C-alpha cells in the first residue's frame, strides 16, 4: 500500500503491509504495520510500526528504525518521535548516526532537520573511524551537514586502541572532522606515556600527529617540570616525539644524584624519539642554577 500525507507545504509518502485508521479524542490516527517506509524528497524513515496523528503534528516509528537523511547521514535506533510541524526528531535507545568516517552513538539523539543539527544530552561518543580516535562527553551539539560539533561538558579524547595511554581532557572541546582537528579549551591536558602537557587551550591535528598548546603551558614528567607560554608538539603513535616550547622557558629537573637544576631560556626543544634517551636543547640564550645535595655527616 502506498499513500501520501500532506504536511503543511510538503508531502510525506508512506507504504506498509497494513494500515489502520484509529480515532482517539476526536482526532484520527493512522497506524502503519509491517515494512513501514515513510519518505519525502529529503528523508527516508523505515521501521516495523508507525503512528501518525495529523492534528497533533506527531509521527511515531518503532522497532528496526532506520533514517536516511541528506548528505549521506544514516541513523538507527529503537524508536522515533517526529514533530512534523517543527521538523524535529527525537530518537531513543541505542542510537547510531554515521556520515562518512564519523560515527556518533548515544542513548538519545535530537535532530533539528532544517539546520541539520544534532544534540545528545549525555553519554555521547563520537568516533573518527579513519583516524582511530573517540571523543566522549555530555551536552553535545553536532552539525551533520558540516561534520563538526562541540562537547560542552566532560569531554575526553582518546585513542580507539585499548593499549594506548593517550588522552586529552578539558572543560569543553570542539571537533572539526573536515580538518581532522580537535580544539580543547579550559584547563586542557594531554596525557601520554612519557609526560603530561597542561595548557589553557589546545589544538590537536590528530591526522598529522601534531598539536599546539597555548597559555600557561607546562610539561610534567617524573624527571621534572617545564613551564612556558606556548608549545608545539609532535606525536608518533599517540606518543610524544618532540616538543618545542617558547618563549621564556623555565626548566626544573633532578639529576641521577637527586641534585636540582633550574634553567631559563628563550626556547627549548625536547627530543623524545628514543625512549629513556630524551635530549634537551636550550636556545636563544640561557642561564641556569645547579643545586647539589650535601652529604649529611654525623658528629659525635
Protein backbone atom coordinates (compact mmCIF):
# COMPACT_ATOMS: atom_id res chain seq x y z
CA UNK A 1 0.00 0.00 0.00
CA UNK A 2 1.39 3.42 -0.97
CA UNK A 3 -0.23 6.70 0.09
CA UNK A 4 0.66 10.29 0.93
CA UNK A 5 0.25 12.59 3.94
CA UNK A 6 0.12 16.38 3.49
CA UNK A 7 2.47 18.08 5.99
CA UNK A 8 1.83 21.81 5.68
CA UNK A 9 3.58 22.64 2.37
CA UNK A 10 5.37 19.29 2.00
CA UNK A 11 4.18 15.76 1.34
CA UNK A 12 5.27 12.66 3.24
CA UNK A 13 4.60 9.50 1.32
CA UNK A 14 4.36 6.12 3.01
CA UNK A 15 3.97 2.43 2.32
CA UNK A 16 3.31 -0.55 4.60
CA UNK A 17 1.86 -4.05 4.61
CA UNK A 18 -1.19 -2.98 6.62
CA UNK A 19 -2.89 0.29 7.62
CA UNK A 20 -5.46 1.06 10.33
CA UNK A 21 -7.26 4.34 10.92
CA UNK A 22 -7.96 4.83 14.62
CA UNK A 23 -9.98 7.50 16.40
CA UNK A 24 -8.58 8.99 19.59
CA UNK A 25 -10.02 12.06 21.38
CA UNK A 26 -11.91 13.36 18.34
CA UNK A 27 -8.80 13.02 16.15
CA UNK A 28 -7.74 10.31 13.76
CA UNK A 29 -4.51 8.33 13.96
CA UNK A 30 -3.05 6.42 11.02
CA UNK A 31 -1.43 3.18 12.18
CA UNK A 32 1.01 1.52 9.75
CA UNK A 33 2.09 -2.07 10.37
CA UNK A 34 4.85 -4.15 8.78
CA UNK A 35 7.58 -2.96 6.42
CA UNK A 36 6.85 0.70 7.12
CA UNK A 37 8.53 3.19 4.78
CA UNK A 38 7.93 6.95 5.03
CA UNK A 39 9.71 9.33 2.69
CA UNK A 40 9.79 12.73 1.04
CA UNK A 41 12.36 14.48 -1.14
CA UNK A 42 14.80 14.89 1.78
CA UNK A 43 14.40 11.98 4.19
CA UNK A 44 13.65 8.25 4.33
CA UNK A 45 12.28 6.64 7.52
CA UNK A 46 11.84 2.88 7.93
CA UNK A 47 10.54 0.75 10.79
CA UNK A 48 8.16 -2.03 11.81
CA UNK A 49 5.27 0.17 13.01
CA UNK A 50 4.27 3.83 12.77
CA UNK A 51 1.53 6.06 14.20
CA UNK A 52 0.72 9.38 12.56
CA UNK A 53 -1.57 11.93 14.24
CA UNK A 54 -2.02 14.85 11.81
CA UNK A 55 -3.81 17.19 14.25
CA UNK A 56 -1.08 16.66 16.86
CA UNK A 57 1.75 17.02 14.32
CA UNK A 58 3.08 13.72 15.66
CA UNK A 59 4.76 10.79 13.94
CA UNK A 60 5.99 7.81 15.98
CA UNK A 61 8.03 4.97 14.46
CA UNK A 62 9.12 1.92 16.45
CA UNK A 63 11.31 -1.16 16.02
CA UNK A 64 14.04 -1.66 13.39
CA UNK A 65 14.27 2.11 12.95
CA UNK A 66 16.44 3.36 10.07
CA UNK A 67 16.63 7.00 8.92
CA UNK A 68 18.42 8.15 5.78
CA UNK A 69 18.93 11.92 5.76
CA UNK A 70 20.68 14.30 3.32
CA UNK A 71 24.50 14.37 2.96
CA UNK A 72 24.73 10.57 3.36
CA UNK A 73 23.65 10.64 7.02
CA UNK A 74 22.29 7.29 8.27
CA UNK A 75 20.71 6.85 11.70
CA UNK A 76 19.49 3.76 13.52
CA UNK A 77 17.75 3.37 16.88
CA UNK A 78 14.83 1.77 18.70
CA UNK A 79 12.15 4.44 18.28
CA UNK A 80 11.45 7.86 16.79
CA UNK A 81 9.15 10.71 17.73
CA UNK A 82 8.97 13.24 14.90
CA UNK A 83 7.38 16.67 15.39
CA UNK A 84 6.16 17.23 11.84
CA UNK A 85 5.44 20.92 12.41
CA UNK A 86 8.81 21.88 13.91
CA UNK A 87 10.61 19.17 11.92
CA UNK A 88 12.48 17.91 14.97
CA UNK A 89 13.20 14.21 15.54
CA UNK A 90 13.69 12.59 18.95
CA UNK A 91 15.42 9.20 18.61
CA UNK A 92 15.72 6.91 21.61
CA UNK A 93 17.86 3.96 22.74
CA UNK A 94 20.95 2.52 21.04
CA UNK A 95 21.22 5.44 18.64
CA UNK A 96 23.92 5.30 15.95
CA UNK A 97 24.41 8.10 13.40
CA UNK A 98 27.03 7.77 10.66
CA UNK A 99 28.36 10.11 8.00
CA UNK A 100 31.49 9.11 6.11
CA UNK A 101 34.13 8.10 8.66
CA UNK A 102 32.21 9.74 11.55
CA UNK A 103 30.07 7.61 13.84
CA UNK A 104 28.05 9.15 16.68
CA UNK A 105 26.44 6.98 19.35
CA UNK A 106 24.33 7.71 22.42
CA UNK A 107 21.18 6.74 24.33
CA UNK A 108 19.22 9.67 22.89
CA UNK A 109 19.55 11.93 19.85
CA UNK A 110 17.62 15.08 18.95
CA UNK A 111 17.80 16.29 15.33
CA UNK A 112 16.64 19.65 14.04
CA UNK A 113 16.15 18.79 10.37
CA UNK A 114 16.10 22.29 8.92
CA UNK A 115 19.65 23.22 10.09
CA UNK A 116 20.64 19.51 10.21
CA UNK A 117 21.90 19.87 13.75
CA UNK A 118 22.03 17.03 16.27
CA UNK A 119 22.05 17.20 20.06
CA UNK A 120 22.98 14.45 22.54
CA UNK A 121 22.37 15.40 26.19
CA UNK A 122 24.52 12.68 27.79
CA UNK A 123 26.53 9.53 27.09
CA UNK A 124 27.73 10.72 23.67
CA UNK A 125 30.56 9.06 21.74
CA UNK A 126 31.99 10.50 18.53
CA UNK A 127 34.25 8.13 16.59
CA UNK A 128 36.59 9.00 13.74
CA UNK A 129 36.83 5.53 12.21
CA UNK A 130 39.55 6.58 9.77
CA UNK A 131 41.92 8.08 12.35
CA UNK A 132 41.02 5.72 15.21
CA UNK A 133 40.03 8.28 17.84
CA UNK A 134 36.94 8.63 20.01
CA UNK A 135 35.57 11.61 21.96
CA UNK A 136 33.12 11.09 24.80
CA UNK A 137 31.18 13.72 26.72
CA UNK A 138 27.86 15.35 27.53
CA UNK A 139 25.79 18.21 26.12
CA UNK A 140 26.99 17.56 22.59
CA UNK A 141 25.83 19.57 19.58
CA UNK A 142 26.86 18.40 16.13
CA UNK A 143 26.27 19.71 12.62
CA UNK A 144 25.58 16.67 10.45
CA UNK A 145 25.90 18.80 7.33
CA UNK A 146 29.28 20.36 8.19
CA UNK A 147 30.60 17.33 10.14
CA UNK A 148 31.72 19.32 13.17
CA UNK A 149 30.45 19.93 16.66
CA UNK A 150 31.03 20.86 20.29
CA UNK A 151 31.22 18.90 23.54
CA UNK A 152 30.35 21.32 26.31
CA UNK A 153 30.67 19.07 29.36
CA UNK A 154 33.23 16.44 30.47
CA UNK A 155 34.95 15.91 27.08
CA UNK A 156 37.65 13.23 26.79
CA UNK A 157 39.52 12.40 23.57
CA UNK A 158 41.26 9.02 23.45
CA UNK A 159 42.75 6.58 21.00
CA UNK A 160 40.44 3.78 19.89
CA UNK A 161 43.10 1.27 20.92
CA UNK A 162 42.76 -0.07 24.46
CA UNK A 163 46.55 -0.33 24.74
CA UNK A 164 47.18 3.42 24.31
CA UNK A 165 47.76 5.77 27.28
CA UNK A 166 46.97 8.82 25.10
CA UNK A 167 44.17 11.02 26.45
CA UNK A 168 43.07 14.67 26.11
CA UNK A 169 40.75 16.33 28.64
CA UNK A 170 39.41 19.88 29.06
CA UNK A 171 36.35 21.83 30.19
CA UNK A 172 34.94 21.90 26.64
CA UNK A 173 36.02 20.67 23.24
CA UNK A 174 35.26 21.42 19.59
CA UNK A 175 35.65 18.88 16.81
CA UNK A 176 36.08 19.56 13.07
CA UNK A 177 36.14 16.30 11.14
CA UNK A 178 36.79 18.11 7.86
CA UNK A 179 40.12 19.37 9.23
CA UNK A 180 40.66 16.29 11.44
CA UNK A 181 41.20 18.73 14.31
CA UNK A 182 40.08 18.98 17.93
CA UNK A 183 40.24 22.21 19.95
CA UNK A 184 40.23 21.91 23.74
CA UNK A 185 39.58 24.97 25.92
CA UNK A 186 39.75 25.47 29.66
CA UNK A 187 42.37 23.55 31.65
CA UNK A 188 43.41 21.40 28.67
CA UNK A 189 45.58 18.39 29.46
CA UNK A 190 47.31 15.82 27.24
CA UNK A 191 48.22 12.54 28.94
CA UNK A 192 50.83 10.32 27.27
CA UNK A 193 53.13 7.52 28.35
CA UNK A 194 56.07 9.94 28.68
CA UNK A 195 54.61 13.12 30.21
CA UNK A 196 51.56 15.31 30.82
CA UNK A 197 51.06 18.53 28.86
CA UNK A 198 49.00 21.24 30.61
CA UNK A 199 47.80 24.48 28.97
CA UNK A 200 44.90 26.92 28.82
CA UNK A 201 43.84 25.81 25.34
CA UNK A 202 44.96 23.21 22.84
CA UNK A 203 44.60 22.47 19.13
CA UNK A 204 45.25 18.86 18.08
CA UNK A 205 45.56 17.86 14.41
CA UNK A 206 45.19 14.15 15.01
CA UNK A 207 45.65 13.01 11.40
CA UNK A 208 49.01 14.85 11.30
CA UNK A 209 50.09 13.80 14.82
CA UNK A 210 50.84 17.35 15.92
CA UNK A 211 49.41 19.87 18.33
CA UNK A 212 49.70 23.37 19.75
CA UNK A 213 49.37 24.33 23.41
CA UNK A 214 48.60 27.98 24.19
CA UNK A 215 48.79 29.83 27.50
CA UNK A 216 50.34 28.73 30.82
CA UNK A 217 51.88 25.66 29.21
CA UNK A 218 53.76 23.10 31.29
CA UNK A 219 55.28 19.68 30.70
CA UNK A 220 55.26 17.41 33.75
CA UNK A 221 57.21 14.13 33.93
CA UNK A 222 58.84 12.07 36.69
CA UNK A 223 62.12 13.91 35.97
CA UNK A 224 60.76 17.43 36.49
CA UNK A 225 58.62 20.27 35.23
CA UNK A 226 58.99 22.71 32.33
CA UNK A 227 56.96 25.92 32.05
CA UNK A 228 56.45 28.35 29.18
CA UNK A 229 53.75 30.33 27.43
CA UNK A 230 53.23 28.01 24.44
CA UNK A 231 54.39 24.72 22.97
CA UNK A 232 54.33 22.92 19.64
CA UNK A 233 54.47 19.16 19.93
CA UNK A 234 54.69 16.20 17.60
CA UNK A 235 53.36 12.72 18.25
CA UNK A 236 54.27 9.33 16.91
CA UNK A 237 51.81 6.54 17.51
CA UNK A 238 50.00 8.79 20.07
CA UNK A 239 53.29 9.20 21.99
CA UNK A 240 55.23 12.43 22.41
CA UNK A 241 58.06 12.57 19.88
CA UNK A 242 59.22 16.20 20.02
CA UNK A 243 58.23 19.33 21.97
CA UNK A 244 59.21 22.92 21.15
CA UNK A 245 58.47 25.39 23.96
CA UNK A 246 58.56 29.21 23.69
CA UNK A 247 59.09 31.88 24.89
CA UNK A 248 60.65 32.41 28.35
CA UNK A 249 61.06 28.77 29.28
CA UNK A 250 61.84 27.65 32.83
CA UNK A 251 63.08 24.08 33.23
CA UNK A 252 63.34 22.33 36.59
CA UNK A 253 64.63 18.78 36.87
CA UNK A 254 66.62 16.43 39.09
CA UNK A 255 69.81 14.62 38.21
CA UNK A 256 70.58 10.97 38.88
CA UNK A 257 72.15 12.01 42.20
CA UNK A 258 68.96 13.90 43.13
CA UNK A 259 70.63 17.29 42.66
CA UNK A 260 68.33 20.03 41.34
CA UNK A 261 68.82 22.12 38.19
CA UNK A 262 66.90 25.23 37.07
CA UNK A 263 67.50 26.53 33.54
CA UNK A 264 65.96 29.65 31.99
CA UNK A 265 65.94 30.03 28.21
CA UNK A 266 64.05 31.69 25.38
CA UNK A 267 63.40 28.41 23.56
CA UNK A 268 63.61 24.74 24.40
CA UNK A 269 63.41 21.70 22.13
CA UNK A 270 62.87 18.27 23.70
CA UNK A 271 63.65 15.23 21.57
CA UNK A 272 61.75 12.19 22.84
CA UNK A 273 62.22 9.99 19.78
CA UNK A 274 64.34 7.48 21.74
CA UNK A 275 62.75 6.08 24.89
CA UNK A 276 64.69 6.90 28.08
CA UNK A 277 67.16 8.95 26.00
CA UNK A 278 65.47 12.34 25.74
CA UNK A 279 67.59 15.31 24.66
CA UNK A 280 67.01 18.92 25.82
CA UNK A 281 68.33 21.71 23.58
CA UNK A 282 68.22 25.24 25.04
CA UNK A 283 68.49 28.11 22.52
CA UNK A 284 68.04 31.89 22.28
CA UNK A 285 70.26 32.48 25.30
CA UNK A 286 70.08 30.58 28.56
CA UNK A 287 71.12 30.73 32.20
CA UNK A 288 70.91 28.22 34.98
CA UNK A 289 71.46 27.32 38.61
CA UNK A 290 72.68 23.98 39.93
CA UNK A 291 71.64 22.94 43.45
CA UNK A 292 73.51 19.95 44.77
CA UNK A 293 72.79 17.92 47.84
CA UNK A 294 75.47 17.90 50.50
CA UNK A 295 76.20 14.64 52.25
CA UNK A 296 74.98 14.62 55.82
CA UNK A 297 77.68 13.81 58.37
CA UNK A 298 77.15 12.59 61.90
CA UNK A 299 79.30 14.33 64.54
CA UNK A 300 79.83 12.88 67.96
